[in-house]
Amino acid sequence: MKVIKAAGRKMQKILERDISSKKRVQEKVRRIIEDVRTSGDEAVLKYTRKFDRVKLSARHLRVSETEISAAYQNINPQFVSTLKTIIDNVSKFYTRQLKRSWKIKGEEGTSLGEKITPLEKVGIYVPAGTVPLISTVYMTVIPAKIAGVKEIILTAPPNKYGTVDPYILVVANLLKVDKIYKVGGAQAIAALAFGTKSLPRVDKIVGPGNVYVSEAKRQVFGYVDVDMLAGPSEIVILANDFSHPDFIACDLEAQLEHLAGLAILVTTSKRLAQAMKKRVSDGYIILAKNLDEAAEIVNRIAPEHLEIMVKNPRKILKRIKNAGAIFLGPYSPVALGDYAAGPSHVLPTAGTARFSSGLSINDFMKRSHVISYTKKALEKLRGPIEKIAELERLDKHIQSIKVRFE
C-alpha cells in the first residue's frame, strides 16, 4: 500500500473518481442498444454468439422448467439449507422497511396522503462473467418480493453449456422468480428496457454489472428506471492502535479481489500504517491527526463500504455522513454484508454515497400524492392560489378555480 496525503494530488484523484465510461465504450453500447431496440431477439442472439460464444435460438432464450430441475442435481445438496438462514436475515431486514399508504384528515373535510404502489415488472441483472454472483439474486429479489412487485424477470449471461449457472437458477427458483433468461451484457439491459418478442419490457432494472452493463443502464435511463450506476467495489477502513492488524489486512485484500477494487486505510496510527504498507499489495493509506479528522476524510471519500475498527465505533458513527454501508467493530467484516447479514450488497460507489443509498424497499415502489378538498376548503385557499397564478400569468389556472364558485 502507498501512503498518501489527505490534501495531496492522489487524494484529489480518489475524490474525483466517477463511473463514466470511455467514449469507445459509450459508442459501442449505444450501437448495441439501438440494434436490440430495432431488431429485438435477432440482435440479442447475435450478441450472445459474439460475446458469450454461445449459439441459442429465440425459443431457448428463456430458461425452461427442465433446466431448473436439472440445476438442483448440479449443486451441493447442503446449499439449500445454508441459504435458508440467509433468506431469513434478508427478509427480516426488508420487512422492517415496508411502508403502507397513508392519509391525514384536516379541517373542512380535506384529506391528504400518499398511495404507495409496487412496481409492476422489475428486471434483475445478475453478472456471471468471471464468476456467477449468486448472492446478487437474493440481495435483489427478496426486497422486490417484499415490496410486492408483481413480476420479476431475471437475466444472466449463459455459460458454455448454453444455460445459466445452476446455483443462480436454484436461488431464483426458490425465491419464485417469474421468468429467467439467458442474456447478459448491454444487450440484456436493452432487451429489458425496450422489450423483445421473447423478453418483456420492465419498469425498472436493478443489479450490478461490468462497465458495459453500467453504461447501458445509463443510456436507457428515462425509458426505464434503474437502481444506480455502479463502479468498482471499494472499502475504507478507519482504524487506530486498538485495531487488529490481521483483520485489517484480510479485509483490505478481500476488497482487492474485485476487479479494479479500491482499498483505503484511514488511520491515526503510524505503526499500523507501516505494518499495512508492507503486508497489503495495493491500495492507499491516509494518516489522520485524530479520529475527528479521520471521520472527515471518510466523509470526503464517501465509500461504498466503511469498516470502523476502533474501541468505540458507535461514537465515530455519529460523525459519519457519507457511506453506503457501515460495519462496526472487529467482527463485522464487509464479507458479512456481502453475503448474509441482511441489507443488500447493492450499494452506491464512486462517491455517490454523498447523495444516494443502498438498495431498499423504496426502489421497488412508487408514491402517488392523494389530495381531496371540499368546496368550503377550496374557498379558503382560493385567494392565495389565484394570486400566485396571476404572478405566473396562468389565466386558465385562475379560471379553473373561479368556475367552481360561479
Protein backbone atom coordinates (compact mmCIF):
# COMPACT_ATOMS: atom_id res chain seq x y z
CA MET A 1 0.00 0.00 0.00
CA LYS A 2 1.07 3.58 -0.60
CA VAL A 3 0.89 6.33 1.99
CA ILE A 4 -0.77 9.43 0.52
CA LYS A 5 -1.61 12.86 1.93
CA ALA A 6 -5.16 13.84 2.81
CA ALA A 7 -4.70 17.03 0.81
CA GLY A 8 -2.46 15.60 -1.90
CA ARG A 9 -2.86 15.04 -5.63
CA LYS A 10 -3.60 11.33 -5.30
CA MET A 11 -6.31 12.02 -2.74
CA GLN A 12 -7.86 14.51 -5.14
CA LYS A 13 -7.88 11.85 -7.84
CA ILE A 14 -9.70 9.47 -5.48
CA LEU A 15 -12.27 12.14 -4.67
CA GLU A 16 -12.82 12.78 -8.38
CA ARG A 17 -13.34 9.11 -9.24
CA ASP A 18 -16.51 8.55 -11.22
CA ILE A 19 -18.37 5.87 -13.10
CA SER A 20 -18.38 7.48 -16.52
CA SER A 21 -17.09 5.19 -19.23
CA LYS A 22 -14.77 5.96 -22.12
CA LYS A 23 -16.20 7.24 -25.39
CA ARG A 24 -15.29 3.95 -27.03
CA VAL A 25 -17.47 2.05 -24.55
CA GLN A 26 -20.28 4.61 -24.81
CA GLU A 27 -20.42 4.31 -28.58
CA LYS A 28 -20.23 0.51 -28.55
CA VAL A 29 -23.08 0.31 -26.04
CA ARG A 30 -25.13 2.85 -27.99
CA ARG A 31 -24.93 0.66 -31.10
CA ILE A 32 -25.90 -2.47 -29.16
CA ILE A 33 -28.90 -0.74 -27.58
CA GLU A 34 -30.13 0.64 -30.90
CA ASP A 35 -29.67 -2.75 -32.54
CA VAL A 36 -31.68 -4.53 -29.84
CA ARG A 37 -34.32 -1.81 -29.91
CA THR A 38 -34.89 -2.19 -33.65
CA SER A 39 -34.11 -5.89 -34.22
CA GLY A 40 -35.18 -7.44 -30.91
CA ASP A 41 -34.41 -11.13 -30.40
CA GLU A 42 -32.29 -11.26 -33.55
CA ALA A 43 -29.86 -8.72 -32.11
CA VAL A 44 -29.89 -10.35 -28.67
CA LEU A 45 -28.96 -13.72 -30.20
CA LYS A 46 -26.25 -12.10 -32.35
CA TYR A 47 -24.54 -10.50 -29.36
CA THR A 48 -24.90 -13.68 -27.31
CA ARG A 49 -22.96 -15.52 -30.01
CA LYS A 50 -20.39 -12.73 -30.23
CA PHE A 51 -19.72 -12.02 -26.56
CA ASP A 52 -20.74 -15.20 -24.73
CA ARG A 53 -19.76 -17.53 -27.59
CA VAL A 54 -22.99 -19.44 -27.20
CA LYS A 55 -25.40 -20.12 -30.06
CA LEU A 56 -29.02 -20.05 -28.97
CA SER A 57 -32.36 -19.85 -30.74
CA ALA A 58 -35.11 -17.44 -29.71
CA ARG A 59 -37.19 -20.22 -28.15
CA HIS A 60 -34.23 -21.20 -25.94
CA LEU A 61 -33.59 -17.72 -24.54
CA ARG A 62 -35.89 -18.39 -21.60
CA VAL A 63 -34.70 -20.96 -19.05
CA SER A 64 -37.02 -23.97 -19.11
CA GLU A 65 -38.50 -25.93 -16.19
CA THR A 66 -36.32 -28.86 -17.28
CA GLU A 67 -33.18 -26.72 -16.92
CA ILE A 68 -34.29 -25.57 -13.47
CA SER A 69 -34.91 -29.16 -12.36
CA ALA A 70 -31.50 -30.20 -13.69
CA ALA A 71 -29.87 -27.33 -11.75
CA TYR A 72 -30.88 -28.94 -8.44
CA GLN A 73 -28.90 -32.02 -9.46
CA ASN A 74 -25.77 -29.95 -10.08
CA ILE A 75 -25.40 -28.18 -6.73
CA ASN A 76 -24.15 -29.15 -3.31
CA PRO A 77 -27.14 -30.75 -1.52
CA GLN A 78 -26.44 -28.70 1.62
CA PHE A 79 -26.71 -25.42 -0.28
CA VAL A 80 -30.48 -25.08 0.11
CA SER A 81 -30.37 -25.43 3.90
CA THR A 82 -27.47 -22.95 4.05
CA LEU A 83 -29.47 -20.49 2.01
CA LYS A 84 -32.46 -20.62 4.37
CA THR A 85 -30.67 -18.73 7.16
CA ILE A 86 -29.53 -16.05 4.73
CA ILE A 87 -33.00 -15.64 3.22
CA ASP A 88 -34.44 -15.23 6.71
CA ASN A 89 -31.91 -12.49 7.55
CA VAL A 90 -32.50 -10.55 4.35
CA SER A 91 -36.29 -10.92 4.65
CA LYS A 92 -36.36 -9.64 8.24
CA PHE A 93 -34.33 -6.56 7.31
CA TYR A 94 -36.50 -5.57 4.36
CA THR A 95 -39.79 -6.37 6.04
CA ARG A 96 -38.83 -3.74 8.62
CA GLN A 97 -38.58 -1.15 5.81
CA LEU A 98 -42.04 -1.83 4.46
CA LYS A 99 -44.36 1.20 4.38
CA ARG A 100 -48.09 1.49 3.73
CA SER A 101 -50.26 4.09 2.05
CA TRP A 102 -51.37 6.82 4.46
CA LYS A 103 -53.68 9.81 4.76
CA ILE A 104 -54.36 12.65 7.16
CA LYS A 105 -57.65 14.47 7.55
CA GLY A 106 -57.80 18.22 8.08
CA GLU A 107 -60.42 20.90 8.60
CA GLU A 108 -63.40 21.37 6.30
CA GLY A 109 -63.20 17.77 5.06
CA THR A 110 -59.73 17.95 3.49
CA SER A 111 -57.69 14.81 3.07
CA LEU A 112 -54.04 14.45 2.06
CA GLY A 113 -51.94 11.34 1.73
CA GLU A 114 -49.77 9.04 -0.31
CA LYS A 115 -50.80 5.97 -2.26
CA ILE A 116 -47.86 3.57 -2.28
CA THR A 117 -47.89 1.15 -5.20
CA PRO A 118 -45.39 -1.63 -6.01
CA LEU A 119 -43.84 -1.60 -9.48
CA GLU A 120 -45.48 -3.99 -11.94
CA LYS A 121 -42.39 -5.50 -13.58
CA VAL A 122 -38.77 -5.41 -12.47
CA GLY A 123 -35.76 -6.74 -14.34
CA ILE A 124 -32.87 -8.07 -12.29
CA TYR A 125 -29.44 -8.41 -13.85
CA VAL A 126 -27.11 -10.99 -12.32
CA PRO A 127 -23.47 -10.91 -13.50
CA ALA A 128 -21.84 -14.22 -14.31
CA GLY A 129 -18.84 -13.27 -16.41
CA THR A 130 -15.75 -14.21 -14.39
CA VAL A 131 -17.74 -15.96 -11.66
CA PRO A 132 -21.52 -16.11 -11.09
CA LEU A 133 -22.65 -13.67 -8.41
CA ILE A 134 -25.13 -15.97 -6.67
CA SER A 135 -25.64 -13.59 -3.77
CA THR A 136 -26.91 -10.87 -6.10
CA VAL A 137 -30.01 -12.98 -6.75
CA TYR A 138 -31.30 -12.96 -3.19
CA MET A 139 -29.94 -9.48 -2.43
CA THR A 140 -32.18 -8.03 -5.18
CA VAL A 141 -35.12 -10.43 -5.49
CA ILE A 142 -36.07 -10.51 -1.79
CA PRO A 143 -36.60 -6.74 -1.37
CA ALA A 144 -38.53 -6.70 -4.66
CA LYS A 145 -40.77 -9.55 -3.45
CA ILE A 146 -41.39 -7.94 -0.07
CA ALA A 147 -42.24 -4.65 -1.79
CA GLY A 148 -44.95 -6.51 -3.72
CA VAL A 149 -43.53 -6.37 -7.26
CA LYS A 150 -45.94 -8.41 -9.39
CA GLU A 151 -43.50 -9.84 -11.93
CA ILE A 152 -39.74 -10.32 -11.56
CA ILE A 153 -37.67 -11.01 -14.67
CA LEU A 154 -34.09 -12.21 -14.16
CA THR A 155 -31.36 -12.22 -16.78
CA ALA A 156 -27.86 -13.69 -16.54
CA PRO A 157 -25.21 -14.49 -19.15
CA PRO A 158 -25.30 -18.09 -20.41
CA ASN A 159 -22.42 -20.41 -19.57
CA LYS A 160 -20.56 -22.54 -22.10
CA TYR A 161 -23.26 -25.19 -21.85
CA GLY A 162 -25.89 -22.76 -23.06
CA THR A 163 -27.71 -22.41 -19.77
CA VAL A 164 -27.43 -20.31 -16.60
CA ASP A 165 -25.26 -21.24 -13.62
CA PRO A 166 -27.14 -23.88 -11.54
CA TYR A 167 -26.76 -22.01 -8.26
CA ILE A 168 -28.28 -18.86 -9.80
CA LEU A 169 -31.17 -20.95 -11.13
CA VAL A 170 -31.80 -22.68 -7.81
CA VAL A 171 -31.84 -19.43 -5.81
CA ALA A 172 -34.10 -17.76 -8.37
CA ASN A 173 -36.44 -20.75 -8.34
CA LEU A 174 -36.60 -20.92 -4.54
CA LEU A 175 -37.46 -17.21 -4.45
CA LYS A 176 -40.16 -17.73 -7.10
CA VAL A 177 -38.70 -15.50 -9.80
CA ASP A 178 -41.27 -15.42 -12.60
CA LYS A 179 -39.03 -15.69 -15.67
CA ILE A 180 -35.30 -16.30 -16.20
CA TYR A 181 -33.45 -15.53 -19.42
CA LYS A 182 -30.01 -16.46 -20.73
CA VAL A 183 -28.97 -12.97 -21.73
CA GLY A 184 -26.05 -10.91 -20.48
CA GLY A 185 -24.23 -7.65 -21.08
CA ALA A 186 -25.55 -4.45 -22.60
CA GLN A 187 -27.92 -6.48 -24.78
CA ALA A 188 -29.72 -7.75 -21.68
CA ILE A 189 -30.21 -4.21 -20.37
CA ALA A 190 -31.52 -3.06 -23.76
CA ALA A 191 -33.90 -6.03 -24.02
CA LEU A 192 -35.32 -5.34 -20.55
CA ALA A 193 -35.66 -1.62 -21.29
CA PHE A 194 -37.45 -1.91 -24.62
CA GLY A 195 -38.73 -5.47 -24.70
CA THR A 196 -38.39 -8.04 -27.48
CA LYS A 197 -40.63 -10.83 -28.71
CA SER A 198 -39.12 -13.11 -26.05
CA LEU A 199 -38.25 -10.71 -23.23
CA PRO A 200 -40.87 -8.43 -21.65
CA ARG A 201 -40.30 -4.73 -21.15
CA VAL A 202 -39.86 -3.86 -17.46
CA ASP A 203 -40.40 -0.75 -15.36
CA LYS A 204 -37.05 -0.85 -13.59
CA ILE A 205 -33.69 -2.59 -13.89
CA VAL A 206 -31.59 -3.41 -10.83
CA GLY A 207 -28.36 -5.27 -10.24
CA PRO A 208 -24.61 -4.72 -10.71
CA GLY A 209 -22.52 -5.39 -13.79
CA ASN A 210 -19.37 -4.52 -15.70
CA VAL A 211 -18.62 -1.21 -17.41
CA TYR A 212 -20.79 -2.15 -20.43
CA VAL A 213 -23.77 -3.02 -18.24
CA SER A 214 -23.42 0.21 -16.23
CA GLU A 215 -23.12 2.27 -19.39
CA ALA A 216 -26.19 0.55 -20.84
CA LYS A 217 -28.15 1.36 -17.69
CA ARG A 218 -27.09 4.98 -18.01
CA GLN A 219 -28.23 5.16 -21.63
CA VAL A 220 -31.64 3.51 -21.13
CA PHE A 221 -32.49 5.55 -18.03
CA GLY A 222 -35.58 7.57 -18.83
CA TYR A 223 -37.11 4.81 -20.93
CA VAL A 224 -36.94 2.72 -17.79
CA ASP A 225 -35.81 3.38 -14.23
CA VAL A 226 -32.53 1.96 -12.89
CA ASP A 227 -31.30 1.42 -9.36
CA MET A 228 -27.88 3.07 -9.68
CA LEU A 229 -24.78 3.27 -11.83
CA ALA A 230 -22.20 1.16 -10.03
CA GLY A 231 -18.45 1.44 -10.40
CA PRO A 232 -15.65 -0.77 -9.00
CA SER A 233 -16.16 -2.03 -5.45
CA GLU A 234 -14.42 -0.11 -2.67
CA ILE A 235 -13.63 -0.19 1.04
CA VAL A 236 -12.36 2.32 3.57
CA ILE A 237 -11.22 1.06 6.96
CA LEU A 238 -10.99 3.59 9.77
CA ALA A 239 -8.61 2.22 12.40
CA ASN A 240 -6.15 3.07 15.16
CA ASP A 241 -3.78 1.27 17.55
CA PHE A 242 -6.74 -0.57 19.10
CA SER A 243 -7.46 -2.32 15.78
CA HIS A 244 -6.38 -5.88 14.93
CA PRO A 245 -3.79 -5.77 12.09
CA ASP A 246 -4.66 -9.24 10.78
CA PHE A 247 -8.33 -8.34 10.45
CA ILE A 248 -7.49 -5.12 8.62
CA ALA A 249 -5.05 -6.76 6.20
CA CYS A 250 -7.50 -9.54 5.31
CA ASP A 251 -10.41 -7.15 4.78
CA LEU A 252 -8.35 -4.86 2.54
CA GLU A 253 -7.11 -7.80 0.48
CA ALA A 254 -10.65 -9.21 0.22
CA GLN A 255 -11.79 -5.99 -1.42
CA LEU A 256 -8.89 -6.13 -3.86
CA GLU A 257 -10.23 -9.47 -5.12
CA HIS A 258 -12.77 -7.42 -7.07
CA LEU A 259 -11.66 -6.21 -10.46
CA ALA A 260 -10.29 -2.65 -10.06
CA GLY A 261 -11.32 -2.69 -6.39
CA LEU A 262 -10.31 0.29 -4.26
CA ALA A 263 -8.90 -0.29 -0.75
CA ILE A 264 -8.06 2.58 1.63
CA LEU A 265 -6.90 2.61 5.24
CA VAL A 266 -7.53 5.82 7.19
CA THR A 267 -5.65 5.66 10.48
CA THR A 268 -4.21 7.70 13.31
CA SER A 269 -1.53 5.04 13.94
CA LYS A 270 1.86 5.33 12.23
CA ARG A 271 2.72 1.85 13.47
CA LEU A 272 -0.38 0.36 11.82
CA ALA A 273 0.30 2.32 8.64
CA GLN A 274 3.82 0.88 8.40
CA ALA A 275 2.54 -2.64 9.00
CA MET A 276 -0.13 -2.40 6.27
CA LYS A 277 2.32 -0.77 3.87
CA LYS A 278 4.35 -3.98 3.96
CA ARG A 279 1.52 -6.53 4.21
CA VAL A 280 -1.02 -5.39 1.62
CA SER A 281 -0.04 -5.33 -2.03
CA ASP A 282 -2.23 -2.49 -3.27
CA GLY A 283 -4.35 0.42 -2.09
CA TYR A 284 -3.71 3.58 -0.10
CA ILE A 285 -3.04 4.68 3.47
CA ILE A 286 -4.04 8.10 4.77
CA LEU A 287 -2.68 9.25 8.13
CA ALA A 288 -5.01 11.42 10.22
CA LYS A 289 -4.09 13.57 13.21
CA ASN A 290 -7.02 12.29 15.25
CA LEU A 291 -10.31 10.39 14.88
CA ASP A 292 -12.24 13.58 14.14
CA GLU A 293 -10.03 14.24 11.13
CA ALA A 294 -10.23 10.56 10.16
CA ALA A 295 -14.05 10.77 10.11
CA GLU A 296 -13.89 13.90 7.98
CA ILE A 297 -11.59 12.16 5.47
CA VAL A 298 -14.07 9.27 5.27
CA ASN A 299 -16.92 11.70 4.59
CA ARG A 300 -14.93 13.26 1.76
CA ILE A 301 -14.28 9.86 0.17
CA ALA A 302 -17.92 8.70 0.65
CA PRO A 303 -17.04 4.99 0.27
CA GLU A 304 -19.26 2.11 -0.72
CA HIS A 305 -18.14 0.12 2.35
CA LEU A 306 -16.80 1.58 5.59
CA GLU A 307 -15.38 -0.50 8.44
CA ILE A 308 -14.87 1.31 11.75
CA MET A 309 -12.37 -0.65 13.83
CA VAL A 310 -11.78 1.48 16.90
CA LYS A 311 -12.59 0.90 20.57
CA ASN A 312 -15.88 2.79 20.47
CA PRO A 313 -17.10 2.59 16.86
CA ARG A 314 -20.58 3.95 17.63
CA LYS A 315 -19.03 7.20 18.81
CA ILE A 316 -17.38 7.59 15.40
CA LEU A 317 -20.60 6.52 13.66
CA LYS A 318 -22.25 9.75 14.81
CA ARG A 319 -19.70 11.70 12.75
CA ILE A 320 -20.12 9.68 9.54
CA LYS A 321 -22.35 11.30 6.93
CA ASN A 322 -21.34 9.58 3.69
CA ALA A 323 -21.05 5.79 3.29
CA GLY A 324 -23.06 3.11 1.52
CA ALA A 325 -22.81 0.51 4.29
CA ILE A 326 -21.10 0.91 7.67
CA PHE A 327 -19.60 -2.04 9.56
CA LEU A 328 -18.93 -1.54 13.26
CA GLY A 329 -16.26 -3.33 15.26
CA PRO A 330 -13.77 -6.14 14.62
CA TYR A 331 -16.38 -8.85 13.97
CA SER A 332 -18.38 -7.07 11.28
CA PRO A 333 -16.35 -7.52 8.07
CA VAL A 334 -17.64 -6.44 4.66
CA ALA A 335 -17.98 -10.11 3.68
CA LEU A 336 -20.74 -10.38 6.30
CA GLY A 337 -22.71 -7.70 4.48
CA ASP A 338 -21.88 -9.12 1.06
CA TYR A 339 -23.50 -12.45 1.83
CA ALA A 340 -25.57 -12.92 4.93
CA ALA A 341 -26.26 -10.07 7.39
CA GLY A 342 -29.45 -8.84 5.74
CA PRO A 343 -29.01 -5.47 3.95
CA SER A 344 -28.40 -5.73 0.21
CA HIS A 345 -24.87 -5.52 -1.13
CA VAL A 346 -26.11 -3.33 -4.00
CA LEU A 347 -24.59 -0.05 -2.78
CA PRO A 348 -23.54 3.36 -4.11
CA THR A 349 -19.94 3.59 -5.32
CA ALA A 350 -17.55 6.25 -6.66
CA GLY A 351 -18.50 8.82 -4.04
CA THR A 352 -22.23 8.69 -4.84
CA ALA A 353 -22.90 7.79 -1.19
CA ARG A 354 -22.85 11.59 -0.75
CA PHE A 355 -26.39 11.66 -2.14
CA SER A 356 -27.67 8.10 -2.62
CA SER A 357 -28.38 4.94 -0.64
CA GLY A 358 -28.15 1.18 -0.87
CA LEU A 359 -30.95 -0.85 -2.45
CA SER A 360 -34.14 -0.62 -0.42
CA ILE A 361 -37.84 -1.38 -0.47
CA ASN A 362 -38.37 2.16 -1.79
CA ASP A 363 -36.57 1.21 -5.00
CA PHE A 364 -39.43 -1.10 -5.87
CA MET A 365 -42.29 1.24 -5.02
CA LYS A 366 -43.74 4.46 -6.32
CA ARG A 367 -45.74 7.10 -4.47
CA SER A 368 -48.78 8.96 -5.73
CA HIS A 369 -49.91 12.07 -3.86
CA VAL A 370 -53.61 11.94 -2.98
CA ILE A 371 -55.46 15.27 -2.50
CA SER A 372 -59.13 15.67 -1.64
CA TYR A 373 -60.79 19.04 -0.84
CA THR A 374 -64.37 20.11 -0.28
CA LYS A 375 -65.81 23.30 -1.82
CA LYS A 376 -65.57 25.07 1.55
CA ALA A 377 -61.91 24.04 1.99
CA LEU A 378 -61.02 25.10 -1.55
CA GLU A 379 -62.62 28.51 -0.95
CA LYS A 380 -60.20 29.15 1.91
CA LEU A 381 -57.23 28.71 -0.45
CA ARG A 382 -58.85 30.43 -3.42
CA GLY A 383 -57.17 33.77 -2.79
CA PRO A 384 -53.57 32.50 -2.45
CA ILE A 385 -53.97 30.21 -5.49
CA GLU A 386 -55.30 32.99 -7.72
CA LYS A 387 -52.58 35.44 -6.61
CA ILE A 388 -49.73 33.01 -7.39
CA ALA A 389 -51.33 32.03 -10.72
CA GLU A 390 -51.66 35.74 -11.58
CA LEU A 391 -47.95 36.32 -10.89
CA GLU A 392 -47.13 33.38 -13.15
CA ARG A 393 -49.54 34.72 -15.80
CA LEU A 394 -51.52 31.49 -15.97
CA ASP A 395 -55.04 32.83 -16.51
CA LYS A 396 -56.59 29.44 -17.24
CA HIS A 397 -55.41 28.23 -13.83
CA ILE A 398 -57.28 31.12 -12.25
CA GLN A 399 -60.40 30.32 -14.26
CA SER A 400 -60.25 26.66 -13.17
CA ILE A 401 -60.68 27.90 -9.60
CA LYS A 402 -63.25 30.62 -10.30
CA VAL A 403 -65.57 28.37 -12.29
CA ARG A 404 -66.23 26.31 -9.17
CA PHE A 405 -67.78 29.31 -7.40
CA GLU A 406 -69.88 30.78 -10.20
